[in-house]
Amino acid sequence: DQLGQLMADIAVIAGEVFTRRQGWKHRHDGSAVNAVWAHHDDWLSARDLLNIFDAIAEIQLGVRPLQKRYHSLLPIAFGCGVSTGHAMLANVAEAAETDFDALCSVVRQAHQLEIATRATGCDILISESGLSLLSPQLEPGYLPALCSVSAKDMPQMLHAYALRFDQLGGLSAAIAGSSAKTVSGR
């Protein structure tokens, strides 16, 4: 019962964050929460990616107090998988019942990356394409470590950038700085 209540509390925390951070569609499914942010071009703006990173950080901070509430001897940990690309919408036949679930390999890849965080010992795995679609591009010296990951039900190895939660702020600052240089014309 406690595990179910814990997952419900995490879903509420994540749902509130996703809504505040303009997650286009979010839901929880068992032990997972996920969100899709819509972008309509073949690139991802720095602002959009920073919004996603802010959501991850807010959820991580929101989950911390649950350890005490549920008397957990170990920290309540979670992993994040981030992937970008084109998605297909499902359940659009009946306008009144449309839920617009995003279905595609990019959604599956984000889930696989989240699972792989356990094996890699990192908190966040961002698909290689997740940062390659970023506009403006991040300078190579600011990119996190690129690694090859695999997990259960993954048909192939994936290349992903590995981060701990405490590194998220540094990556966000590098992305914001790169974006500011482009806007100012430097």
Protein backbone atom coordinates (compact mmCIF):
# COMPACT_ATOMS: atom_id res chain seq x y z
CA ASP A 1 0.00 0.00 0.00
CA GLN A 2 2.81 2.39 0.87
CA LEU A 3 4.55 1.84 -2.48
CA GLY A 4 1.32 2.61 -4.32
CA GLN A 5 0.82 5.79 -2.29
CA LEU A 6 4.44 6.79 -2.88
CA MET A 7 4.01 6.40 -6.64
CA ALA A 8 0.78 8.39 -6.48
CA ASP A 9 2.59 11.19 -4.62
CA ILE A 10 5.39 11.18 -7.21
CA ALA A 11 2.81 11.31 -10.02
CA VAL A 12 1.15 14.35 -8.40
CA ILE A 13 4.49 16.14 -7.94
CA ALA A 14 5.56 15.38 -11.52
CA GLY A 15 2.15 16.30 -12.96
CA GLU A 16 2.21 19.70 -11.28
CA VAL A 17 5.75 20.34 -12.53
CA PHE A 18 4.97 19.18 -16.07
CA THR A 19 1.94 21.48 -16.19
CA ARG A 20 3.88 24.45 -14.84
CA ARG A 21 6.74 23.78 -17.30
CA GLN A 22 4.38 23.54 -20.32
CA GLY A 23 4.69 19.80 -20.85
CA TRP A 24 2.39 19.26 -23.82
CA LYS A 25 1.19 15.86 -22.63
CA HIS A 26 2.04 13.99 -19.44
CA ARG A 27 0.90 10.86 -17.68
CA HIS A 28 1.96 8.27 -15.16
CA ASP A 29 2.04 4.56 -15.77
CA GLY A 30 2.90 2.24 -12.90
CA SER A 31 6.27 3.32 -11.58
CA ALA A 32 6.95 5.82 -14.38
CA VAL A 33 5.95 9.38 -15.08
CA ASN A 34 6.55 10.91 -18.46
CA ALA A 35 5.94 14.04 -20.44
CA VAL A 36 6.19 15.18 -24.02
CA TRP A 37 7.13 18.72 -24.99
CA ALA A 38 6.04 19.70 -28.48
CA HIS A 39 8.41 21.41 -30.87
CA HIS A 40 7.42 21.94 -34.45
CA ASP A 41 10.75 22.19 -36.21
CA ASP A 42 13.69 19.90 -36.87
CA TRP A 43 15.58 21.63 -34.07
CA LEU A 44 15.06 22.18 -30.37
CA SER A 45 15.44 25.66 -28.91
CA ALA A 46 17.67 26.21 -25.91
CA ARG A 47 14.63 27.60 -24.05
CA ASP A 48 12.67 24.36 -24.65
CA LEU A 49 15.51 22.13 -23.47
CA LEU A 50 16.16 24.31 -20.43
CA ASN A 51 12.47 24.08 -19.57
CA ILE A 52 12.75 20.27 -19.61
CA PHE A 53 15.88 20.38 -17.44
CA ASP A 54 14.12 22.72 -15.00
CA ALA A 55 11.25 20.20 -14.79
CA ILE A 56 13.70 17.38 -13.99
CA ALA A 57 15.35 19.48 -11.26
CA GLU A 58 12.00 20.48 -9.75
CA ILE A 59 10.80 16.87 -9.64
CA GLN A 60 14.04 15.77 -8.04
CA LEU A 61 13.64 18.44 -5.35
CA GLY A 62 9.97 17.57 -4.88
CA VAL A 63 10.72 13.88 -4.36
CA ARG A 64 13.36 14.42 -1.64
CA PRO A 65 10.89 15.03 1.22
CA LEU A 66 9.12 11.76 0.42
CA GLN A 67 12.03 9.83 1.92
CA LYS A 68 11.20 11.20 5.35
CA ARG A 69 7.44 10.94 4.87
CA TYR A 70 7.70 7.25 4.01
CA HIS A 71 10.45 6.49 6.54
CA SER A 72 12.75 5.17 3.82
CA LEU A 73 16.24 4.28 4.99
CA LEU A 74 17.57 4.82 1.47
CA PRO A 75 17.11 7.91 -0.67
CA ILE A 76 14.19 7.68 -3.06
CA ALA A 77 15.99 7.64 -6.38
CA PHE A 78 14.80 7.91 -9.92
CA GLY A 79 16.31 8.08 -13.35
CA CYS A 80 15.47 10.28 -16.34
CA GLY A 81 15.69 9.50 -20.02
CA VAL A 82 15.53 12.42 -22.48
CA SER A 83 15.22 11.93 -26.21
CA THR A 84 14.11 14.19 -29.04
CA GLY A 85 12.65 13.65 -32.47
CA HIS A 86 9.40 13.25 -34.33
CA ALA A 87 6.40 11.65 -32.65
CA MET A 88 3.13 10.27 -33.94
CA LEU A 89 -0.16 11.00 -32.20
CA ALA A 90 -2.51 8.18 -31.25
CA ASN A 91 -6.23 8.05 -30.48
CA VAL A 92 -7.22 11.00 -32.64
CA ALA A 93 -10.28 9.39 -34.27
CA GLU A 94 -12.91 10.77 -31.90
CA ALA A 95 -12.41 14.44 -31.04
CA ALA A 96 -14.32 14.13 -27.74
CA GLU A 97 -12.14 11.22 -26.57
CA THR A 98 -8.81 12.26 -28.05
CA ASP A 99 -5.89 11.91 -25.69
CA PHE A 100 -3.08 12.53 -28.20
CA ASP A 101 -0.60 10.02 -26.79
CA ALA A 102 2.79 10.40 -28.42
CA LEU A 103 3.96 7.12 -29.88
CA CYS A 104 7.22 6.51 -31.66
CA SER A 105 10.76 5.32 -31.34
CA VAL A 106 11.79 8.55 -29.59
CA VAL A 107 9.33 7.91 -26.73
CA ARG A 108 10.46 4.29 -26.47
CA GLN A 109 14.09 5.45 -26.53
CA ALA A 110 13.51 7.87 -23.63
CA HIS A 111 12.01 5.00 -21.63
CA GLN A 112 14.95 2.73 -22.47
CA LEU A 113 17.40 5.44 -21.43
CA GLU A 114 15.58 5.85 -18.13
CA ILE A 115 15.92 2.11 -17.50
CA ALA A 116 19.62 2.26 -18.45
CA THR A 117 20.32 4.89 -15.76
CA ARG A 118 20.27 2.09 -13.21
CA ALA A 119 22.98 0.15 -15.05
CA THR A 120 25.18 3.20 -15.66
CA GLY A 121 24.86 4.67 -12.19
CA CYS A 122 23.91 8.09 -13.53
CA ASP A 123 20.68 10.02 -12.94
CA ILE A 124 19.97 11.33 -16.44
CA LEU A 125 20.71 9.95 -19.88
CA ILE A 126 20.15 12.29 -22.82
CA SER A 127 20.10 10.70 -26.25
CA GLU A 128 22.88 11.80 -28.56
CA SER A 129 20.17 13.21 -30.83
CA GLY A 130 18.74 15.05 -27.83
CA LEU A 131 21.63 17.48 -27.86
CA SER A 132 22.41 17.33 -31.58
CA LEU A 133 19.01 18.90 -32.37
CA LEU A 134 19.77 21.79 -30.04
CA SER A 135 19.94 25.15 -31.74
CA PRO A 136 22.37 26.77 -31.31
CA GLN A 137 24.75 23.85 -30.99
CA LEU A 138 26.62 23.47 -27.75
CA GLU A 139 30.40 23.73 -27.96
CA PRO A 140 32.06 20.29 -27.56
CA GLY A 141 33.91 21.28 -24.38
CA TYR A 142 30.59 21.82 -22.60
CA LEU A 143 29.02 18.49 -23.56
CA PRO A 144 28.68 15.88 -20.82
CA ALA A 145 30.37 12.48 -21.15
CA LEU A 146 29.06 10.43 -24.07
CA CYS A 147 28.66 6.74 -23.33
CA SER A 148 27.16 3.64 -24.92
CA VAL A 149 24.29 2.13 -22.97
CA SER A 150 22.10 -0.90 -23.17
CA ALA A 151 19.32 -2.24 -21.03
CA LYS A 152 16.71 -4.94 -20.98
CA ASP A 153 14.51 -4.87 -24.08
CA MET A 154 16.94 -2.61 -25.97
CA PRO A 155 17.61 -4.06 -29.42
CA GLN A 156 20.88 -2.15 -29.75
CA MET A 157 23.37 -0.01 -27.90
CA LEU A 158 22.46 3.66 -27.69
CA HIS A 159 24.82 6.62 -27.45
CA ALA A 160 23.79 8.99 -24.70
CA TYR A 161 25.14 11.79 -22.55
CA ALA A 162 25.31 10.78 -18.90
CA LEU A 163 24.66 13.24 -16.07
CA ARG A 164 24.13 13.27 -12.35
CA PHE A 165 21.52 15.62 -10.94
CA ASP A 166 24.26 17.86 -9.54
CA GLN A 167 25.66 18.37 -13.08
CA LEU A 168 22.35 19.56 -14.54
CA GLY A 169 22.89 23.17 -13.50
CA GLY A 170 26.28 23.33 -15.25
CA LEU A 171 24.85 21.96 -18.50
CA SER A 172 21.91 24.36 -18.27
CA ALA A 173 24.29 27.29 -17.78
CA ALA A 174 26.37 26.22 -20.82
CA ILE A 175 23.24 25.96 -22.97
CA ALA A 176 21.93 29.33 -21.78
CA GLY A 177 25.35 30.91 -22.40
CA SER A 178 25.56 29.43 -25.90
CA SER A 179 22.08 30.74 -26.65
CA ALA A 180 22.90 34.22 -25.31
CA LYS A 181 26.01 34.43 -27.52
CA THR A 182 23.90 33.62 -30.58
CA VAL A 183 21.21 36.17 -29.70
CA SER A 184 23.76 38.92 -29.08
CA GLY A 185 25.56 38.11 -32.34
CA ARG A 186 28.93 37.25 -30.81
